[in-house]
Amino acid sequence: MALSESRKNYERNRANNFKTVSAKYRKDSIELLRLNLYLEVSGISANNYIQQLIKEDLDNKGIPYPDND
């Protein structure tokens, strides 16, 4: 099913509101296995977990929020 022009514009504008940050692991990495186990047990997504880690790390380092003036 083809997308309407308005839907295409909506999807394009929505995509412009996000920035992707990622981590890459070898498929046989023990750290990847640990991560997957933790995500399964905790029930959170990898995206949510990464966001929590980044926020906690920046908070611990005292990185201030930018002024939005």
PDB file of N, CA and C in Angstrom:
ATOM      1  N   MET A   1       0.843  -1.183   0.000  1.00  0.00           N
ATOM      2  CA  MET A   1       0.000   0.000   0.000  1.00  0.00           C
ATOM      3  C   MET A   1       0.887   1.244   0.000  1.00  0.00           C
ATOM      4  N   ALA A   2       0.652   2.133  -0.922  1.00  0.00           N
ATOM      5  CA  ALA A   2       1.446   3.348  -1.053  1.00  0.00           C
ATOM      6  C   ALA A   2       1.028   4.374  -0.005  1.00  0.00           C
ATOM      7  N   LEU A   3       2.012   5.111   0.480  1.00  0.00           N
ATOM      8  CA  LEU A   3       1.724   6.157   1.455  1.00  0.00           C
ATOM      9  C   LEU A   3       1.273   7.417   0.736  1.00  0.00           C
ATOM     10  N   SER A   4       0.313   8.109   1.342  1.00  0.00           N
ATOM     11  CA  SER A   4      -0.126   9.373   0.772  1.00  0.00           C
ATOM     12  C   SER A   4       0.986  10.398   0.933  1.00  0.00           C
ATOM     13  N   GLU A   5       0.925  11.438   0.166  1.00  0.00           N
ATOM     14  CA  GLU A   5       1.946  12.493   0.227  1.00  0.00           C
ATOM     15  C   GLU A   5       1.965  13.150   1.605  1.00  0.00           C
ATOM     16  N   SER A   6       0.804  13.353   2.210  1.00  0.00           N
ATOM     17  CA  SER A   6       0.766  13.968   3.542  1.00  0.00           C
ATOM     18  C   SER A   6       1.381  13.041   4.588  1.00  0.00           C
ATOM     19  N   ARG A   7       1.178  11.734   4.434  1.00  0.00           N
ATOM     20  CA  ARG A   7       1.771  10.774   5.364  1.00  0.00           C
ATOM     21  C   ARG A   7       3.288  10.752   5.213  1.00  0.00           C
ATOM     22  N   LYS A   8       3.774  10.816   3.982  1.00  0.00           N
ATOM     23  CA  LYS A   8       5.215  10.868   3.728  1.00  0.00           C
ATOM     24  C   LYS A   8       5.826  12.105   4.378  1.00  0.00           C
ATOM     25  N   ASN A   9       5.161  13.244   4.229  1.00  0.00           N
ATOM     26  CA  ASN A   9       5.650  14.481   4.845  1.00  0.00           C
ATOM     27  C   ASN A   9       5.657  14.371   6.362  1.00  0.00           C
ATOM     28  N   TYR A  10       4.604  13.783   6.924  1.00  0.00           N
ATOM     29  CA  TYR A  10       4.524  13.590   8.368  1.00  0.00           C
ATOM     30  C   TYR A  10       5.689  12.729   8.851  1.00  0.00           C
ATOM     31  N   GLU A  11       5.921  11.598   8.185  1.00  0.00           N
ATOM     32  CA  GLU A  11       7.005  10.692   8.578  1.00  0.00           C
ATOM     33  C   GLU A  11       8.367  11.371   8.444  1.00  0.00           C
ATOM     34  N   ARG A  12       8.574  12.130   7.398  1.00  0.00           N
ATOM     35  CA  ARG A  12       9.837  12.842   7.186  1.00  0.00           C
ATOM     36  C   ARG A  12      10.057  13.878   8.297  1.00  0.00           C
ATOM     37  N   ASN A  13       9.038  14.640   8.627  1.00  0.00           N
ATOM     38  CA  ASN A  13       9.154  15.653   9.688  1.00  0.00           C
ATOM     39  C   ASN A  13       9.379  14.995  11.049  1.00  0.00           C
ATOM     40  N   ARG A  14       8.703  13.882  11.299  1.00  0.00           N
ATOM     41  CA  ARG A  14       8.860  13.163  12.559  1.00  0.00           C
ATOM     42  C   ARG A  14      10.289  12.643  12.687  1.00  0.00           C
ATOM     43  N   ALA A  15      10.838  12.093  11.630  1.00  0.00           N
ATOM     44  CA  ALA A  15      12.203  11.555  11.646  1.00  0.00           C
ATOM     45  C   ALA A  15      13.228  12.651  11.927  1.00  0.00           C
ATOM     46  N   ASN A  16      12.947  13.861  11.510  1.00  0.00           N
ATOM     47  CA  ASN A  16      13.871  14.977  11.736  1.00  0.00           C
ATOM     48  C   ASN A  16      13.938  15.401  13.198  1.00  0.00           C
ATOM     49  N   ASN A  17      13.016  14.914  14.029  1.00  0.00           N
ATOM     50  CA  ASN A  17      12.988  15.274  15.445  1.00  0.00           C
ATOM     51  C   ASN A  17      13.826  14.352  16.317  1.00  0.00           C
ATOM     52  N   PHE A  18      14.480  13.367  15.721  1.00  0.00           N
ATOM     53  CA  PHE A  18      15.244  12.383  16.482  1.00  0.00           C
ATOM     54  C   PHE A  18      16.686  12.298  16.000  1.00  0.00           C
ATOM     55  N   LYS A  19      17.562  11.916  16.911  1.00  0.00           N
ATOM     56  CA  LYS A  19      18.964  11.659  16.611  1.00  0.00           C
ATOM     57  C   LYS A  19      19.298  10.298  17.186  1.00  0.00           C
ATOM     58  N   THR A  20      19.930   9.459  16.408  1.00  0.00           N
ATOM     59  CA  THR A  20      20.268   8.109  16.844  1.00  0.00           C
ATOM     60  C   THR A  20      21.681   8.069  17.412  1.00  0.00           C
ATOM     61  N   VAL A  21      21.810   7.416  18.557  1.00  0.00           N
ATOM     62  CA  VAL A  21      23.096   7.139  19.185  1.00  0.00           C
ATOM     63  C   VAL A  21      23.113   5.628  19.387  1.00  0.00           C
ATOM     64  N   SER A  22      24.199   4.978  19.012  1.00  0.00           N
ATOM     65  CA  SER A  22      24.187   3.525  19.093  1.00  0.00           C
ATOM     66  C   SER A  22      25.507   2.970  19.623  1.00  0.00           C
ATOM     67  N   ALA A  23      25.454   1.712  19.990  1.00  0.00           N
ATOM     68  CA  ALA A  23      26.642   0.961  20.404  1.00  0.00           C
ATOM     69  C   ALA A  23      26.676  -0.294  19.550  1.00  0.00           C
ATOM     70  N   LYS A  24      27.859  -0.709  19.194  1.00  0.00           N
ATOM     71  CA  LYS A  24      28.005  -1.889  18.342  1.00  0.00           C
ATOM     72  C   LYS A  24      28.816  -2.941  19.076  1.00  0.00           C
ATOM     73  N   TYR A  25      28.295  -4.164  19.119  1.00  0.00           N
ATOM     74  CA  TYR A  25      28.962  -5.285  19.769  1.00  0.00           C
ATOM     75  C   TYR A  25      29.111  -6.426  18.768  1.00  0.00           C
ATOM     76  N   ARG A  26      30.164  -7.214  18.933  1.00  0.00           N
ATOM     77  CA  ARG A  26      30.262  -8.468  18.188  1.00  0.00           C
ATOM     78  C   ARG A  26      29.168  -9.393  18.713  1.00  0.00           C
ATOM     79  N   LYS A  27      28.621 -10.215  17.847  1.00  0.00           N
ATOM     80  CA  LYS A  27      27.534 -11.099  18.252  1.00  0.00           C
ATOM     81  C   LYS A  27      27.950 -12.077  19.340  1.00  0.00           C
ATOM     82  N   ASP A  28      29.236 -12.393  19.425  1.00  0.00           N
ATOM     83  CA  ASP A  28      29.711 -13.332  20.440  1.00  0.00           C
ATOM     84  C   ASP A  28      30.293 -12.639  21.677  1.00  0.00           C
ATOM     85  N   SER A  29      30.073 -11.329  21.801  1.00  0.00           N
ATOM     86  CA  SER A  29      30.602 -10.561  22.925  1.00  0.00           C
ATOM     87  C   SER A  29      29.913 -10.940  24.239  1.00  0.00           C
ATOM     88  N   ILE A  30      30.710 -11.197  25.255  1.00  0.00           N
ATOM     89  CA  ILE A  30      30.169 -11.518  26.581  1.00  0.00           C
ATOM     90  C   ILE A  30      29.395 -10.320  27.137  1.00  0.00           C
ATOM     91  N   GLU A  31      29.830  -9.111  26.810  1.00  0.00           N
ATOM     92  CA  GLU A  31      29.108  -7.916  27.272  1.00  0.00           C
ATOM     93  C   GLU A  31      27.730  -7.828  26.634  1.00  0.00           C
ATOM     94  N   LEU A  32      27.614  -8.225  25.385  1.00  0.00           N
ATOM     95  CA  LEU A  32      26.309  -8.235  24.720  1.00  0.00           C
ATOM     96  C   LEU A  32      25.395  -9.262  25.379  1.00  0.00           C
ATOM     97  N   LEU A  33      25.951 -10.412  25.714  1.00  0.00           N
ATOM     98  CA  LEU A  33      25.147 -11.424  26.403  1.00  0.00           C
ATOM     99  C   LEU A  33      24.665 -10.916  27.754  1.00  0.00           C
ATOM    100  N   ARG A  34      25.540 -10.243  28.486  1.00  0.00           N
ATOM    101  CA  ARG A  34      25.153  -9.667  29.783  1.00  0.00           C
ATOM    102  C   ARG A  34      24.067  -8.618  29.602  1.00  0.00           C
ATOM    103  N   LEU A  35      24.242  -7.761  28.598  1.00  0.00           N
ATOM    104  CA  LEU A  35      23.260  -6.720  28.329  1.00  0.00           C
ATOM    105  C   LEU A  35      21.902  -7.333  28.009  1.00  0.00           C
ATOM    106  N   ASN A  36      21.874  -8.290  27.108  1.00  0.00           N
ATOM    107  CA  ASN A  36      20.607  -8.922  26.734  1.00  0.00           C
ATOM    108  C   ASN A  36      19.941  -9.606  27.921  1.00  0.00           C
ATOM    109  N   LEU A  37      20.723 -10.236  28.757  1.00  0.00           N
ATOM    110  CA  LEU A  37      20.170 -10.871  29.958  1.00  0.00           C
ATOM    111  C   LEU A  37      19.543  -9.826  30.875  1.00  0.00           C
ATOM    112  N   TYR A  38      20.263  -8.733  31.102  1.00  0.00           N
ATOM    113  CA  TYR A  38      19.733  -7.666  31.954  1.00  0.00           C
ATOM    114  C   TYR A  38      18.440  -7.089  31.380  1.00  0.00           C
ATOM    115  N   LEU A  39      18.418  -6.830  30.085  1.00  0.00           N
ATOM    116  CA  LEU A  39      17.225  -6.256  29.465  1.00  0.00           C
ATOM    117  C   LEU A  39      16.040  -7.207  29.581  1.00  0.00           C
ATOM    118  N   GLU A  40      16.298  -8.483  29.408  1.00  0.00           N
ATOM    119  CA  GLU A  40      15.227  -9.471  29.523  1.00  0.00           C
ATOM    120  C   GLU A  40      14.684  -9.531  30.946  1.00  0.00           C
ATOM    121  N   VAL A  41      15.578  -9.556  31.929  1.00  0.00           N
ATOM    122  CA  VAL A  41      15.167  -9.647  33.333  1.00  0.00           C
ATOM    123  C   VAL A  41      14.462  -8.376  33.790  1.00  0.00           C
ATOM    124  N   SER A  42      14.983  -7.226  33.379  1.00  0.00           N
ATOM    125  CA  SER A  42      14.420  -5.956  33.839  1.00  0.00           C
ATOM    126  C   SER A  42      13.173  -5.547  33.072  1.00  0.00           C
ATOM    127  N   GLY A  43      13.027  -6.046  31.854  1.00  0.00           N
ATOM    128  CA  GLY A  43      11.846  -5.706  31.059  1.00  0.00           C
ATOM    129  C   GLY A  43      11.906  -4.344  30.411  1.00  0.00           C
ATOM    130  N   ILE A  44      13.095  -3.735  30.348  1.00  0.00           N
ATOM    131  CA  ILE A  44      13.201  -2.431  29.691  1.00  0.00           C
ATOM    132  C   ILE A  44      13.843  -2.604  28.315  1.00  0.00           C
ATOM    133  N   SER A  45      13.637  -1.627  27.468  1.00  0.00           N
ATOM    134  CA  SER A  45      14.217  -1.678  26.128  1.00  0.00           C
ATOM    135  C   SER A  45      15.673  -1.226  26.176  1.00  0.00           C
ATOM    136  N   ALA A  46      16.432  -1.623  25.176  1.00  0.00           N
ATOM    137  CA  ALA A  46      17.823  -1.184  25.076  1.00  0.00           C
ATOM    138  C   ALA A  46      17.882   0.341  24.976  1.00  0.00           C
ATOM    139  N   ASN A  47      16.967   0.924  24.231  1.00  0.00           N
ATOM    140  CA  ASN A  47      16.937   2.372  24.074  1.00  0.00           C
ATOM    141  C   ASN A  47      16.733   3.068  25.423  1.00  0.00           C
ATOM    142  N   ASN A  48      15.762   2.586  26.195  1.00  0.00           N
ATOM    143  CA  ASN A  48      15.486   3.171  27.500  1.00  0.00           C
ATOM    144  C   ASN A  48      16.691   3.022  28.423  1.00  0.00           C
ATOM    145  N   TYR A  49      17.308   1.852  28.416  1.00  0.00           N
ATOM    146  CA  TYR A  49      18.471   1.595  29.266  1.00  0.00           C
ATOM    147  C   TYR A  49      19.630   2.522  28.913  1.00  0.00           C
ATOM    148  N   ILE A  50      19.902   2.675  27.638  1.00  0.00           N
ATOM    149  CA  ILE A  50      20.992   3.559  27.200  1.00  0.00           C
ATOM    150  C   ILE A  50      20.703   4.996  27.610  1.00  0.00           C
ATOM    151  N   GLN A  51      19.461   5.440  27.443  1.00  0.00           N
ATOM    152  CA  GLN A  51      19.102   6.799  27.854  1.00  0.00           C
ATOM    153  C   GLN A  51      19.300   6.987  29.351  1.00  0.00           C
ATOM    154  N   GLN A  52      18.912   5.986  30.163  1.00  0.00           N
ATOM    155  CA  GLN A  52      19.103   6.068  31.610  1.00  0.00           C
ATOM    156  C   GLN A  52      20.592   6.152  31.965  1.00  0.00           C
ATOM    157  N   LEU A  53      21.403   5.319  31.318  1.00  0.00           N
ATOM    158  CA  LEU A  53      22.845   5.316  31.586  1.00  0.00           C
ATOM    159  C   LEU A  53      23.485   6.658  31.253  1.00  0.00           C
ATOM    160  N   ILE A  54      23.114   7.205  30.104  1.00  0.00           N
ATOM    161  CA  ILE A  54      23.688   8.479  29.686  1.00  0.00           C
ATOM    162  C   ILE A  54      23.290   9.587  30.651  1.00  0.00           C
ATOM    163  N   LYS A  55      22.002   9.637  31.013  1.00  0.00           N
ATOM    164  CA  LYS A  55      21.548  10.676  31.950  1.00  0.00           C
ATOM    165  C   LYS A  55      22.265  10.559  33.284  1.00  0.00           C
ATOM    166  N   GLU A  56      22.349   9.337  33.821  1.00  0.00           N
ATOM    167  CA  GLU A  56      23.019   9.123  35.108  1.00  0.00           C
ATOM    168  C   GLU A  56      24.491   9.521  35.037  1.00  0.00           C
ATOM    169  N   ASP A  57      25.158   9.150  33.955  1.00  0.00           N
ATOM    170  CA  ASP A  57      26.571   9.489  33.790  1.00  0.00           C
ATOM    171  C   ASP A  57      26.776  11.001  33.711  1.00  0.00           C
ATOM    172  N   LEU A  58      25.960  11.680  32.932  1.00  0.00           N
ATOM    173  CA  LEU A  58      26.096  13.136  32.811  1.00  0.00           C
ATOM    174  C   LEU A  58      25.780  13.836  34.132  1.00  0.00           C
ATOM    175  N   ASP A  59      24.754  13.343  34.833  1.00  0.00           N
ATOM    176  CA  ASP A  59      24.415  13.900  36.150  1.00  0.00           C
ATOM    177  C   ASP A  59      25.577  13.716  37.125  1.00  0.00           C
ATOM    178  N   ASN A  60      26.162  12.512  37.142  1.00  0.00           N
ATOM    179  CA  ASN A  60      27.283  12.234  38.046  1.00  0.00           C
ATOM    180  C   ASN A  60      28.504  13.090  37.734  1.00  0.00           C
ATOM    181  N   LYS A  61      28.670  13.441  36.482  1.00  0.00           N
ATOM    182  CA  LYS A  61      29.804  14.276  36.075  1.00  0.00           C
ATOM    183  C   LYS A  61      29.515  15.766  36.235  1.00  0.00           C
ATOM    184  N   GLY A  62      28.292  16.091  36.645  1.00  0.00           N
ATOM    185  CA  GLY A  62      27.930  17.486  36.878  1.00  0.00           C
ATOM    186  C   GLY A  62      27.734  18.295  35.602  1.00  0.00           C
ATOM    187  N   ILE A  63      27.411  17.624  34.515  1.00  0.00           N
ATOM    188  CA  ILE A  63      27.182  18.330  33.252  1.00  0.00           C
ATOM    189  C   ILE A  63      25.820  19.012  33.342  1.00  0.00           C
ATOM    190  N   PRO A  64      25.785  20.340  33.249  1.00  0.00           N
ATOM    191  CA  PRO A  64      24.515  21.055  33.419  1.00  0.00           C
ATOM    192  C   PRO A  64      23.648  20.953  32.171  1.00  0.00           C
ATOM    193  N   TYR A  65      22.365  21.161  32.368  1.00  0.00           N
ATOM    194  CA  TYR A  65      21.455  21.257  31.238  1.00  0.00           C
ATOM    195  C   TYR A  65      21.699  22.588  30.538  1.00  0.00           C
ATOM    196  N   PRO A  66      21.597  22.640  29.226  1.00  0.00           N
ATOM    197  CA  PRO A  66      21.825  23.904  28.526  1.00  0.00           C
ATOM    198  C   PRO A  66      20.700  24.903  28.804  1.00  0.00           C
ATOM    199  N   ASP A  67      21.046  26.176  28.774  1.00  0.00           N
ATOM    200  CA  ASP A  67      20.034  27.224  28.904  1.00  0.00           C
ATOM    201  C   ASP A  67      19.260  27.306  27.606  1.00  0.00           C
ATOM    202  N   ASN A  68      17.965  27.415  27.712  1.00  0.00           N
ATOM    203  CA  ASN A  68      17.114  27.515  26.521  1.00  0.00           C
ATOM    204  C   ASN A  68      16.591  28.925  26.329  1.00  0.00           C
ATOM    205  N   ASP A  69      17.434  29.894  26.595  1.00  0.00           N
ATOM    206  CA  ASP A  69      17.015  31.305  26.455  1.00  0.00           C
ATOM    207  C   ASP A  69      17.047  31.763  25.028  1.00  0.00           C
TER     208      ASP A  69
END
